[in-house]
Amino acid sequence: MVPVTERANGRPDARRAQVRRHRRERQIIVFGVLLIGVAFAAIFAAGVYKGEIAGPISQPFVTPEGAFESNVTLVCPPPSSTAMAHKNVGVRVLNGTGISGLAGAVSTELDDRNYVIVSTSNWSRTYQDNVRLYFGPDGIRQAYTVARNFDGEVDMVLDNREGSLVDVVLGEAYESGNLRSELDAELAPGTSLTANAECLPASLITPEPAPRSLPDNPVDAEKADG
């Protein structure tokens, strides 16, 4: 039987060899063009990502500052921060329950722990949960220091107040045993301040409106004088 790539006289089929050669040349050209196109696309994409080349769409690849959105409302304590000396933390205790004298009782216990009690009063509305703390950007470390004193869930709310005053709102779920013993290990001096849930830096959280009027905090006054 005669091989298909040879003539009957045993000589190679020159025409078929030429066809195969041309086919290989076309394949080399096609693959070369594809490789060049892929390389160009990669360079173009890198330039668009870096902002060096105007892309075909106007949507930026990087979220611009100020456009960050998240459902997280808990502000993180300052990095590597520890609990403050109680004498440097001013608090206002507010009774969000129908129990008479609750704010006074809790403020007495906090006063015994050397917190600066600015005032005590009834809250303007009822609070159903355990404890809620209101504080401003200058009182984040102070708020986390106060929060350690309470067992159970403590709701931390950042508002746009000035100064470091921390409002402590007592709710219907609060019980006398929810104030931890001073001997609790978590109240030891120098304890690191940490959040108990997912949190964000203050710069990425929209603060709530602060009360229209706040009592003067003697701790802030001392700082101003100093």
Protein backbone atom coordinates (compact mmCIF):
# COMPACT_ATOMS: atom_id res chain seq x y z
CA MET A 1 0.00 0.00 0.00
CA VAL A 2 1.42 3.44 -0.90
CA PRO A 3 1.60 6.06 1.99
CA VAL A 4 -0.73 9.01 1.48
CA THR A 5 2.12 11.50 1.82
CA GLU A 6 4.13 10.01 -1.01
CA ARG A 7 3.59 9.59 -4.70
CA ALA A 8 3.47 6.18 -6.23
CA ASN A 9 7.13 6.51 -7.21
CA GLY A 10 8.16 7.02 -3.53
CA ARG A 11 8.83 10.73 -3.75
CA PRO A 12 7.23 13.13 -1.15
CA ASP A 13 4.10 14.97 -2.20
CA ALA A 14 5.51 18.50 -2.51
CA ARG A 15 2.10 20.13 -2.72
CA ARG A 16 0.87 18.61 0.54
CA ALA A 17 4.07 19.54 2.31
CA GLN A 18 3.66 23.12 1.12
CA VAL A 19 0.06 23.21 2.42
CA ARG A 20 1.14 21.99 5.84
CA ARG A 21 3.92 24.60 5.95
CA HIS A 22 1.49 27.39 5.08
CA ARG A 23 -0.95 26.12 7.73
CA ARG A 24 1.75 26.22 10.42
CA GLU A 25 2.74 29.73 9.35
CA ARG A 26 -0.87 30.91 9.63
CA GLN A 27 -1.19 29.34 13.10
CA ILE A 28 1.99 31.07 14.24
CA ILE A 29 0.70 34.40 12.96
CA VAL A 30 -2.73 33.97 14.58
CA PHE A 31 -1.33 32.97 17.98
CA GLY A 32 1.21 35.79 17.81
CA VAL A 33 -1.54 38.35 17.17
CA LEU A 34 -3.61 36.93 20.05
CA LEU A 35 -0.67 37.13 22.45
CA ILE A 36 0.01 40.73 21.45
CA GLY A 37 -3.69 41.57 21.95
CA VAL A 38 -3.76 39.98 25.43
CA ALA A 39 -0.61 41.84 26.45
CA PHE A 40 -2.04 45.14 25.20
CA ALA A 41 -5.33 44.54 27.07
CA ALA A 42 -3.44 43.80 30.30
CA ILE A 43 -1.37 46.98 29.98
CA PHE A 44 -4.50 49.03 29.19
CA ALA A 45 -6.43 47.59 32.17
CA ALA A 46 -3.52 48.31 34.52
CA GLY A 47 -3.37 51.89 33.28
CA VAL A 48 -7.12 52.39 33.79
CA TYR A 49 -6.95 50.92 37.31
CA LYS A 50 -4.10 53.25 38.26
CA GLY A 51 -5.90 56.23 36.74
CA GLU A 52 -3.14 56.81 34.18
CA ILE A 53 -5.47 56.06 31.24
CA ALA A 54 -9.09 57.15 30.79
CA GLY A 55 -11.28 54.05 30.76
CA PRO A 56 -14.33 53.36 28.60
CA ILE A 57 -16.65 53.79 31.60
CA SER A 58 -16.86 56.58 34.17
CA GLN A 59 -17.41 54.38 37.25
CA PRO A 60 -14.20 54.41 39.34
CA PHE A 61 -12.61 51.15 40.48
CA VAL A 62 -11.79 52.59 43.92
CA THR A 63 -14.54 53.89 46.20
CA PRO A 64 -13.85 57.64 46.64
CA GLU A 65 -13.40 59.04 50.12
CA GLY A 66 -16.75 59.96 51.63
CA ALA A 67 -18.71 57.44 49.54
CA PHE A 68 -18.20 54.52 51.94
CA GLU A 69 -21.43 52.86 53.02
CA SER A 70 -21.97 50.21 55.69
CA ASN A 71 -24.63 48.95 58.06
CA VAL A 72 -22.10 48.92 60.92
CA THR A 73 -22.81 51.66 63.48
CA LEU A 74 -20.45 50.63 66.29
CA VAL A 75 -17.38 52.82 66.54
CA CYS A 76 -14.09 51.12 67.36
CA PRO A 77 -12.03 52.17 70.38
CA PRO A 78 -8.79 53.97 69.53
CA PRO A 79 -6.08 51.52 68.38
CA SER A 80 -4.09 49.91 71.22
CA SER A 81 -6.00 52.00 73.81
CA THR A 82 -6.45 51.01 77.43
CA ALA A 83 -9.02 51.97 80.05
CA MET A 84 -8.70 55.50 81.39
CA ALA A 85 -8.34 56.57 84.99
CA HIS A 86 -11.89 56.99 86.27
CA LYS A 87 -11.17 60.46 87.64
CA ASN A 88 -10.69 61.62 84.04
CA VAL A 89 -14.12 60.42 82.86
CA GLY A 90 -17.23 62.56 83.29
CA VAL A 91 -20.62 60.84 83.11
CA ARG A 92 -24.27 61.82 83.24
CA VAL A 93 -26.61 59.05 84.42
CA LEU A 94 -30.12 59.03 82.92
CA ASN A 95 -33.06 56.90 84.06
CA GLY A 96 -34.91 55.45 81.07
CA THR A 97 -37.24 53.36 83.22
CA GLY A 98 -40.22 53.86 85.49
CA ILE A 99 -38.17 52.85 88.55
CA SER A 100 -37.75 55.86 90.79
CA GLY A 101 -34.23 56.56 92.05
CA LEU A 102 -32.43 54.17 89.69
CA ALA A 103 -30.16 56.83 88.18
CA GLY A 104 -29.23 58.08 91.65
CA ALA A 105 -28.34 54.58 92.84
CA VAL A 106 -26.13 53.82 89.85
CA SER A 107 -24.46 57.24 89.94
CA THR A 108 -23.57 56.64 93.61
CA GLU A 109 -21.86 53.37 92.70
CA LEU A 110 -19.98 55.01 89.82
CA ASP A 111 -18.99 57.86 92.11
CA ASP A 112 -17.55 55.30 94.53
CA ARG A 113 -15.42 54.10 91.63
CA ASN A 114 -14.06 57.65 91.21
CA TYR A 115 -15.98 58.56 88.05
CA VAL A 116 -16.88 62.23 87.80
CA ILE A 117 -20.68 62.39 88.12
CA VAL A 118 -21.80 65.46 86.17
CA SER A 119 -25.55 65.02 86.83
CA THR A 120 -28.41 62.53 87.17
CA SER A 121 -31.93 62.85 85.82
CA ASN A 122 -34.75 61.07 84.03
CA TRP A 123 -34.38 60.40 80.34
CA SER A 124 -36.82 62.09 78.00
CA ARG A 125 -38.21 58.74 76.86
CA THR A 126 -38.34 55.09 77.90
CA TYR A 127 -35.51 52.69 77.05
CA GLN A 128 -36.38 48.98 76.96
CA ASP A 129 -32.93 47.34 76.88
CA ASN A 130 -30.07 47.18 79.40
CA VAL A 131 -27.68 50.15 79.07
CA ARG A 132 -27.03 52.65 76.28
CA LEU A 133 -24.08 55.04 76.16
CA TYR A 134 -24.07 58.27 74.16
CA PHE A 135 -20.75 59.98 73.47
CA GLY A 136 -18.96 62.13 70.93
CA PRO A 137 -15.76 61.66 68.89
CA ASP A 138 -13.71 63.04 71.80
CA GLY A 139 -15.27 60.60 74.28
CA ILE A 140 -14.82 57.22 72.59
CA ARG A 141 -12.12 55.98 74.95
CA GLN A 142 -14.09 57.32 77.91
CA ALA A 143 -17.25 55.51 76.76
CA TYR A 144 -15.45 52.19 76.40
CA THR A 145 -13.98 52.68 79.86
CA VAL A 146 -17.48 53.20 81.31
CA ALA A 147 -18.98 50.30 79.33
CA ARG A 148 -16.69 47.78 81.04
CA ASN A 149 -18.51 48.39 84.32
CA PHE A 150 -21.79 46.94 83.05
CA ASP A 151 -22.63 43.30 82.51
CA GLY A 152 -24.96 42.35 79.69
CA GLU A 153 -25.43 44.18 76.41
CA VAL A 154 -24.29 47.79 76.26
CA ASP A 155 -25.44 49.80 73.24
CA MET A 156 -22.74 52.25 72.14
CA VAL A 157 -24.02 55.27 70.20
CA LEU A 158 -21.74 57.88 68.65
CA ASP A 159 -23.29 61.34 68.30
CA ASN A 160 -21.89 64.69 67.22
CA ARG A 161 -21.53 66.29 70.65
CA GLU A 162 -18.46 68.26 71.58
CA GLY A 163 -16.36 67.26 74.57
CA SER A 164 -15.86 63.93 76.32
CA LEU A 165 -19.05 63.67 78.42
CA VAL A 166 -20.58 60.17 78.40
CA ASP A 167 -24.34 59.78 78.88
CA VAL A 168 -25.33 56.53 80.61
CA VAL A 169 -28.96 55.60 79.89
CA LEU A 170 -30.41 52.86 82.12
CA GLY A 171 -33.15 50.74 80.55
CA GLU A 172 -35.97 48.47 81.65
CA ALA A 173 -33.75 45.40 81.30
CA TYR A 174 -31.19 46.80 83.73
CA GLU A 175 -30.88 45.06 87.10
CA SER A 176 -28.71 45.88 90.08
CA GLY A 177 -26.48 42.88 89.36
CA ASN A 178 -25.67 44.27 85.92
CA LEU A 179 -23.04 46.55 87.46
CA ARG A 180 -19.91 44.42 87.70
CA SER A 181 -17.90 44.04 90.85
CA GLU A 182 -14.81 46.23 91.04
CA LEU A 183 -12.84 42.99 91.51
CA ASP A 184 -13.86 41.72 88.06
CA ALA A 185 -10.79 40.89 85.98
CA GLU A 186 -12.07 43.00 83.08
CA LEU A 187 -11.91 46.10 85.28
CA ALA A 188 -8.23 45.67 86.08
CA PRO A 189 -6.11 48.78 85.40
CA GLY A 190 -4.44 48.83 82.01
CA THR A 191 -6.94 46.45 80.41
CA SER A 192 -7.12 46.84 76.63
CA LEU A 193 -10.32 48.33 75.24
CA THR A 194 -12.02 46.17 72.63
CA ALA A 195 -15.34 46.13 70.81
CA ASN A 196 -17.66 43.16 71.31
CA ALA A 197 -18.93 43.28 67.71
CA GLU A 198 -17.90 44.43 64.25
CA CYS A 199 -16.89 48.09 64.38
CA LEU A 200 -15.50 50.88 62.23
CA PRO A 201 -13.29 53.92 62.85
CA ALA A 202 -15.16 57.08 63.81
CA SER A 203 -14.32 58.67 60.46
CA LEU A 204 -16.43 56.04 58.68
CA ILE A 205 -19.53 56.33 60.90
CA THR A 206 -22.21 58.98 60.59
CA PRO A 207 -22.88 60.24 64.13
CA GLU A 208 -26.38 60.78 65.45
CA PRO A 209 -27.52 64.29 66.42
CA ALA A 210 -26.47 65.19 69.94
CA PRO A 211 -28.86 66.68 72.54
CA ARG A 212 -29.45 70.39 72.09
CA SER A 213 -27.97 71.14 75.48
CA LEU A 214 -25.45 69.27 77.58
CA PRO A 215 -24.24 69.97 81.10
CA ASP A 216 -20.74 71.33 81.52
CA ASN A 217 -18.21 68.59 82.06
CA PRO A 218 -15.63 69.61 84.69
CA VAL A 219 -13.13 67.16 83.20
CA ASP A 220 -13.16 69.09 79.92
CA ALA A 221 -12.91 72.38 81.80
CA GLU A 222 -9.79 71.15 83.60
CA LYS A 223 -8.22 70.15 80.29
CA ALA A 224 -8.96 73.58 78.84
CA ASP A 225 -7.42 75.30 81.87
CA GLY A 226 -4.41 73.06 81.73
